[in-house]
C-alpha atoms as a PDB file:
ATOM      1  CA  MET A   1      18.859  82.896  -3.669  1.00  0.00           C
ATOM      2  CA  HIS A   2      16.604  79.863  -3.962  1.00  0.00           C
ATOM      3  CA  ASN A   3      16.245  77.616  -6.970  1.00  0.00           C
ATOM      4  CA  GLY A   4      12.626  76.806  -7.664  1.00  0.00           C
ATOM      5  CA  THR A   5       9.155  78.223  -7.579  1.00  0.00           C
ATOM      6  CA  THR A   6       7.712  79.588  -4.365  1.00  0.00           C
ATOM      7  CA  ILE A   7       4.276  78.417  -3.303  1.00  0.00           C
ATOM      8  CA  THR A   8       3.036  81.996  -3.709  1.00  0.00           C
ATOM      9  CA  GLN A   9       4.272  82.117  -7.309  1.00  0.00           C
ATOM     10  CA  PHE A  10       2.743  78.688  -7.955  1.00  0.00           C
ATOM     11  CA  ILE A  11      -0.669  79.697  -6.590  1.00  0.00           C
ATOM     12  CA  ILE A  12      -0.731  82.931  -8.603  1.00  0.00           C
ATOM     13  CA  GLU A  13       0.329  81.124 -11.792  1.00  0.00           C
ATOM     14  CA  GLU A  14      -2.461  78.586 -11.261  1.00  0.00           C
ATOM     15  CA  GLN A  15      -4.952  81.432 -10.776  1.00  0.00           C
ATOM     16  CA  ARG A  16      -3.980  82.858 -14.163  1.00  0.00           C
ATOM     17  CA  HIS A  17      -5.275  79.663 -15.804  1.00  0.00           C
ATOM     18  CA  ILE A  18      -8.786  80.159 -14.380  1.00  0.00           C
ATOM     19  CA  GLU A  19     -10.998  82.432 -16.433  1.00  0.00           C
ATOM     20  CA  ASN A  20     -12.741  85.113 -14.340  1.00  0.00           C
ATOM     21  CA  ALA A  21     -10.767  84.229 -11.189  1.00  0.00           C
ATOM     22  CA  THR A  22     -11.230  86.897  -8.522  1.00  0.00           C
ATOM     23  CA  GLY A  23      -8.199  86.099  -6.375  1.00  0.00           C
ATOM     24  CA  ASP A  24     -10.327  85.134  -3.343  1.00  0.00           C
ATOM     25  CA  PHE A  25      -9.196  81.521  -3.431  1.00  0.00           C
ATOM     26  CA  THR A  26      -5.567  82.572  -4.006  1.00  0.00           C
ATOM     27  CA  SER A  27      -5.685  84.844  -0.959  1.00  0.00           C
ATOM     28  CA  LEU A  28      -7.404  82.182   1.151  1.00  0.00           C
ATOM     29  CA  LEU A  29      -4.788  79.580   0.258  1.00  0.00           C
ATOM     30  CA  ASN A  30      -2.045  82.089   1.086  1.00  0.00           C
ATOM     31  CA  ASP A  31      -3.664  82.597   4.524  1.00  0.00           C
ATOM     32  CA  VAL A  32      -3.620  78.814   5.091  1.00  0.00           C
ATOM     33  CA  VAL A  33       0.062  78.758   4.081  1.00  0.00           C
ATOM     34  CA  THR A  34       0.766  81.577   6.558  1.00  0.00           C
ATOM     35  CA  ALA A  35      -0.924  79.635   9.365  1.00  0.00           C
ATOM     36  CA  CYS A  36       1.246  76.609   8.555  1.00  0.00           C
ATOM     37  CA  LYS A  37       4.400  78.756   8.678  1.00  0.00           C
ATOM     38  CA  VAL A  38       3.429  80.029  12.142  1.00  0.00           C
ATOM     39  CA  ILE A  39       2.734  76.467  13.309  1.00  0.00           C
ATOM     40  CA  SER A  40       6.072  75.290  11.889  1.00  0.00           C
ATOM     41  CA  ASN A  41       7.833  77.924  13.968  1.00  0.00           C
ATOM     42  CA  LEU A  42       5.933  76.905  17.110  1.00  0.00           C
ATOM     43  CA  VAL A  43       6.662  73.210  16.559  1.00  0.00           C
ATOM     44  CA  ASN A  44      10.361  73.972  16.111  1.00  0.00           C
ATOM     45  CA  GLN A  45      10.468  75.835  19.431  1.00  0.00           C
ATOM     46  CA  GLY A  46       8.621  73.150  21.417  1.00  0.00           C
ATOM     47  CA  GLU A  47       9.444  73.101  25.101  1.00  0.00           C
ATOM     48  CA  LEU A  48      11.687  76.168  24.757  1.00  0.00           C
ATOM     49  CA  VAL A  49       8.499  78.247  24.878  1.00  0.00           C
ATOM     50  CA  GLY A  50       6.555  75.906  27.198  1.00  0.00           C
ATOM     51  CA  ILE A  51       4.012  74.570  24.719  1.00  0.00           C
ATOM     52  CA  LEU A  52       4.356  70.830  25.226  1.00  0.00           C
ATOM     53  CA  GLY A  53       2.138  68.630  27.383  1.00  0.00           C
ATOM     54  CA  ALA A  54      -1.538  68.101  28.065  1.00  0.00           C
ATOM     55  CA  ALA A  55      -4.053  70.938  28.181  1.00  0.00           C
ATOM     56  CA  GLY A  56      -6.475  69.139  30.519  1.00  0.00           C
ATOM     57  CA  SER A  57      -9.364  68.999  28.026  1.00  0.00           C
ATOM     58  CA  GLU A  58     -10.757  66.762  25.275  1.00  0.00           C
ATOM     59  CA  ASN A  59     -11.547  67.467  21.626  1.00  0.00           C
ATOM     60  CA  VAL A  60     -14.749  66.530  19.800  1.00  0.00           C
ATOM     61  CA  GLN A  61     -13.325  63.021  19.169  1.00  0.00           C
ATOM     62  CA  GLY A  62     -12.865  62.476  22.923  1.00  0.00           C
ATOM     63  CA  GLU A  63      -9.085  62.633  22.608  1.00  0.00           C
ATOM     64  CA  GLU A  64      -6.971  64.384  25.218  1.00  0.00           C
ATOM     65  CA  GLN A  65      -5.998  67.792  23.892  1.00  0.00           C
ATOM     66  CA  LYS A  66      -2.418  68.935  24.042  1.00  0.00           C
ATOM     67  CA  LYS A  67      -1.488  72.571  24.616  1.00  0.00           C
ATOM     68  CA  MET A  68      -0.362  72.718  20.983  1.00  0.00           C
ATOM     69  CA  ASP A  69      -3.802  71.526  19.779  1.00  0.00           C
ATOM     70  CA  ILE A  70      -5.387  74.598  21.309  1.00  0.00           C
ATOM     71  CA  ILE A  71      -2.604  76.995  20.286  1.00  0.00           C
ATOM     72  CA  THR A  72      -2.515  75.813  16.665  1.00  0.00           C
ATOM     73  CA  ASN A  73      -6.315  75.870  16.422  1.00  0.00           C
ATOM     74  CA  ASP A  74      -6.219  79.513  17.518  1.00  0.00           C
ATOM     75  CA  VAL A  75      -3.523  80.215  14.896  1.00  0.00           C
ATOM     76  CA  PHE A  76      -5.795  78.857  12.152  1.00  0.00           C
ATOM     77  CA  LEU A  77      -8.822  80.803  13.403  1.00  0.00           C
ATOM     78  CA  LYS A  78      -6.970  84.112  13.736  1.00  0.00           C
ATOM     79  CA  THR A  79      -5.106  83.799  10.448  1.00  0.00           C
ATOM     80  CA  ASN A  80      -8.185  82.877   8.411  1.00  0.00           C
ATOM     81  CA  SER A  81     -11.068  84.826  10.027  1.00  0.00           C
ATOM     82  CA  TRP A  82     -10.519  88.417   8.970  1.00  0.00           C
ATOM     83  CA  ALA A  83      -9.896  88.503   5.193  1.00  0.00           C
ATOM     84  CA  GLY A  84     -13.432  87.915   3.918  1.00  0.00           C
ATOM     85  CA  HIS A  85     -12.820  84.658   2.049  1.00  0.00           C
ATOM     86  CA  LEU A  86     -14.553  82.266   4.438  1.00  0.00           C
ATOM     87  CA  ALA A  87     -18.140  81.736   5.518  1.00  0.00           C
ATOM     88  CA  ALA A  88     -17.139  79.399   8.387  1.00  0.00           C
ATOM     89  CA  MET A  89     -14.520  76.926   9.624  1.00  0.00           C
ATOM     90  CA  ALA A  90     -14.633  73.489  11.221  1.00  0.00           C
ATOM     91  CA  SER A  91     -11.850  71.940  13.258  1.00  0.00           C
ATOM     92  CA  GLU A  92     -11.239  68.650  15.009  1.00  0.00           C
ATOM     93  CA  GLU A  93     -10.505  70.735  18.099  1.00  0.00           C
ATOM     94  CA  MET A  94     -13.963  72.361  18.293  1.00  0.00           C
ATOM     95  CA  ASP A  95     -17.384  70.901  19.070  1.00  0.00           C
ATOM     96  CA  ASP A  96     -19.216  73.218  16.658  1.00  0.00           C
ATOM     97  CA  ILE A  97     -18.403  75.089  13.487  1.00  0.00           C
ATOM     98  CA  TYR A  98     -16.709  78.457  13.839  1.00  0.00           C
ATOM     99  CA  HIS A  99     -18.696  81.332  12.384  1.00  0.00           C
ATOM    100  CA  ILE A 100     -16.715  84.272  11.069  1.00  0.00           C
ATOM    101  CA  PRO A 101     -17.074  87.139  13.581  1.00  0.00           C
ATOM    102  CA  SER A 102     -19.584  89.788  12.556  1.00  0.00           C
ATOM    103  CA  GLN A 103     -16.961  92.543  12.259  1.00  0.00           C
ATOM    104  CA  TYR A 104     -15.422  90.712   9.280  1.00  0.00           C
ATOM    105  CA  PRO A 105     -16.884  90.167   5.815  1.00  0.00           C
ATOM    106  CA  LYS A 106     -18.012  86.660   4.902  1.00  0.00           C
ATOM    107  CA  GLY A 107     -16.812  84.827   1.832  1.00  0.00           C
ATOM    108  CA  LYS A 108     -17.847  81.878  -0.298  1.00  0.00           C
ATOM    109  CA  TYR A 109     -15.543  79.154   1.075  1.00  0.00           C
ATOM    110  CA  LEU A 110     -15.529  76.761   4.001  1.00  0.00           C
ATOM    111  CA  LEU A 111     -12.305  75.594   5.651  1.00  0.00           C
ATOM    112  CA  THR A 112     -11.947  72.340   7.554  1.00  0.00           C
ATOM    113  CA  PHE A 113      -8.760  71.409   9.363  1.00  0.00           C
ATOM    114  CA  ASP A 114      -6.951  69.397  11.964  1.00  0.00           C
ATOM    115  CA  PRO A 115      -4.437  72.013  13.086  1.00  0.00           C
ATOM    116  CA  LEU A 116      -1.914  69.561  14.548  1.00  0.00           C
ATOM    117  CA  ASP A 117      -2.527  65.925  13.746  1.00  0.00           C
ATOM    118  CA  GLY A 118      -0.393  63.646  15.914  1.00  0.00           C
ATOM    119  CA  SER A 119       0.200  66.320  18.559  1.00  0.00           C
ATOM    120  CA  SER A 120       0.949  63.647  21.166  1.00  0.00           C
ATOM    121  CA  ASN A 121       4.105  62.928  19.138  1.00  0.00           C
ATOM    122  CA  MET A 122       5.518  66.363  19.981  1.00  0.00           C
ATOM    123  CA  ASP A 123       6.571  65.194  23.437  1.00  0.00           C
ATOM    124  CA  VAL A 124       8.882  62.595  21.829  1.00  0.00           C
ATOM    125  CA  ASN A 125      10.035  64.758  18.886  1.00  0.00           C
ATOM    126  CA  VAL A 126       8.281  62.796  16.138  1.00  0.00           C
ATOM    127  CA  SER A 127       6.804  64.441  13.036  1.00  0.00           C
ATOM    128  CA  VAL A 128       3.359  66.048  13.288  1.00  0.00           C
ATOM    129  CA  GLY A 129       1.222  67.776  10.684  1.00  0.00           C
ATOM    130  CA  THR A 130      -1.695  69.945   9.660  1.00  0.00           C
ATOM    131  CA  ILE A 131      -4.466  68.596   7.426  1.00  0.00           C
ATOM    132  CA  PHE A 132      -6.885  70.923   5.631  1.00  0.00           C
ATOM    133  CA  SER A 133      -9.648  71.040   3.030  1.00  0.00           C
ATOM    134  CA  ILE A 134     -11.320  73.972   1.299  1.00  0.00           C
ATOM    135  CA  LEU A 135     -14.913  73.676   0.046  1.00  0.00           C
ATOM    136  CA  ARG A 136     -17.311  76.078  -1.629  1.00  0.00           C
ATOM    137  CA  CYS A 137     -20.213  77.191   0.505  1.00  0.00           C
ATOM    138  CA  GLN A 138     -23.182  75.671  -1.335  1.00  0.00           C
ATOM    139  CA  SER A 139     -26.080  77.413   0.420  1.00  0.00           C
ATOM    140  CA  ASP A 140     -26.460  80.308   2.869  1.00  0.00           C
ATOM    141  CA  CYS A 141     -22.939  81.673   3.174  1.00  0.00           C
ATOM    142  CA  GLN A 142     -24.057  84.235   5.749  1.00  0.00           C
ATOM    143  CA  ASN A 143     -25.189  81.580   8.246  1.00  0.00           C
ATOM    144  CA  PRO A 144     -23.683  78.210   7.313  1.00  0.00           C
ATOM    145  CA  THR A 145     -24.477  75.120   9.352  1.00  0.00           C
ATOM    146  CA  ALA A 146     -22.563  71.914   9.999  1.00  0.00           C
ATOM    147  CA  ASP A 147     -24.540  70.331   7.140  1.00  0.00           C
ATOM    148  CA  ASP A 148     -22.863  72.733   4.691  1.00  0.00           C
ATOM    149  CA  PHE A 149     -19.538  71.033   5.463  1.00  0.00           C
ATOM    150  CA  LEU A 150     -20.899  67.571   4.624  1.00  0.00           C
ATOM    151  CA  GLN A 151     -19.929  67.464   0.953  1.00  0.00           C
ATOM    152  CA  ALA A 152     -18.485  64.732  -1.205  1.00  0.00           C
ATOM    153  CA  GLY A 153     -14.708  64.673  -1.413  1.00  0.00           C
ATOM    154  CA  THR A 154     -14.952  65.418  -5.117  1.00  0.00           C
ATOM    155  CA  GLU A 155     -16.413  68.826  -4.206  1.00  0.00           C
ATOM    156  CA  GLN A 156     -13.187  69.967  -2.540  1.00  0.00           C
ATOM    157  CA  VAL A 157     -11.579  73.024  -4.104  1.00  0.00           C
ATOM    158  CA  CYS A 158      -8.277  72.216  -2.418  1.00  0.00           C
ATOM    159  CA  ALA A 159      -6.884  69.673  -0.010  1.00  0.00           C
ATOM    160  CA  GLY A 160      -3.491  69.442   1.541  1.00  0.00           C
ATOM    161  CA  TYR A 161      -1.261  68.910   4.487  1.00  0.00           C
ATOM    162  CA  ALA A 162       1.839  70.329   6.096  1.00  0.00           C
ATOM    163  CA  LEU A 163       4.345  67.979   7.713  1.00  0.00           C
ATOM    164  CA  TYR A 164       6.531  69.413  10.467  1.00  0.00           C
ATOM    165  CA  GLY A 165       9.732  67.463  11.092  1.00  0.00           C
ATOM    166  CA  PRO A 166      13.411  67.894  10.224  1.00  0.00           C
ATOM    167  CA  SER A 167      12.066  70.129   7.453  1.00  0.00           C
ATOM    168  CA  THR A 168       8.565  71.492   6.897  1.00  0.00           C
ATOM    169  CA  MET A 169       6.799  70.248   3.795  1.00  0.00           C
ATOM    170  CA  MET A 170       3.485  71.334   2.328  1.00  0.00           C
ATOM    171  CA  VAL A 171       1.594  69.206  -0.170  1.00  0.00           C
ATOM    172  CA  ILE A 172      -1.508  70.547  -1.933  1.00  0.00           C
ATOM    173  CA  THR A 173      -3.875  69.657  -4.719  1.00  0.00           C
ATOM    174  CA  THR A 174      -6.384  71.900  -6.431  1.00  0.00           C
ATOM    175  CA  GLY A 175      -7.514  69.185  -8.828  1.00  0.00           C
ATOM    176  CA  ASN A 176      -4.565  69.280 -11.232  1.00  0.00           C
ATOM    177  CA  GLY A 177      -2.088  66.839  -9.742  1.00  0.00           C
ATOM    178  CA  VAL A 178      -0.307  67.064  -6.431  1.00  0.00           C
ATOM    179  CA  ASN A 179       2.383  69.624  -5.686  1.00  0.00           C
ATOM    180  CA  GLY A 180       4.924  69.564  -2.871  1.00  0.00           C
ATOM    181  CA  PHE A 181       6.929  72.408  -1.340  1.00  0.00           C
ATOM    182  CA  THR A 182       9.607  72.645   1.355  1.00  0.00           C
ATOM    183  CA  LEU A 183       9.814  75.603   3.741  1.00  0.00           C
ATOM    184  CA  ASP A 184      13.057  77.525   3.417  1.00  0.00           C
ATOM    185  CA  GLN A 185      13.374  78.900   6.965  1.00  0.00           C
ATOM    186  CA  ASN A 186      15.973  81.453   5.806  1.00  0.00           C
ATOM    187  CA  ILE A 187      13.519  83.314   3.592  1.00  0.00           C
ATOM    188  CA  GLY A 188      10.238  82.176   5.200  1.00  0.00           C
ATOM    189  CA  GLU A 189       8.801  80.773   1.992  1.00  0.00           C
ATOM    190  CA  PHE A 190       7.799  77.340   0.736  1.00  0.00           C
ATOM    191  CA  ILE A 191       9.851  76.404  -2.350  1.00  0.00           C
END
């Protein structure tokens, strides 16, 4: 049994303080947390599953992509596309924004992320992380453009990061302080 509050409990308790909350943001944040758990598992396995090394391509910044850059980007896209909370996503690993596929409902949020910041450190077993930000879609949520992502930092609904190292930590803010959690691998939950 763990001592502490799980990130899921924390997010739900925070939702209860927001009048007329629909649960969309809560579900979206839980999907982001799930993606970070999957990435934590992949990072821990490293070369055991053949995911280290260069991919032979460059990201939008002109940086050499690692295999894990591509794999973790796909994890974020797959985990966050289907639930109907997002209008679009933007990633350091993609040249353009990612529109939610037409078979899924579109939501009112935008998600930006670097799925594995510092991925070149994986080859030497140094900590790496995920950085993310959630924004409200301010205009046409059915067909957002890159301009919709260009909002002031104060417009963020949530920002956070996950740090993958000897333990996996997640730090988030939704505007009321900063909260940190550590992944308990035994139960698969951030505490």
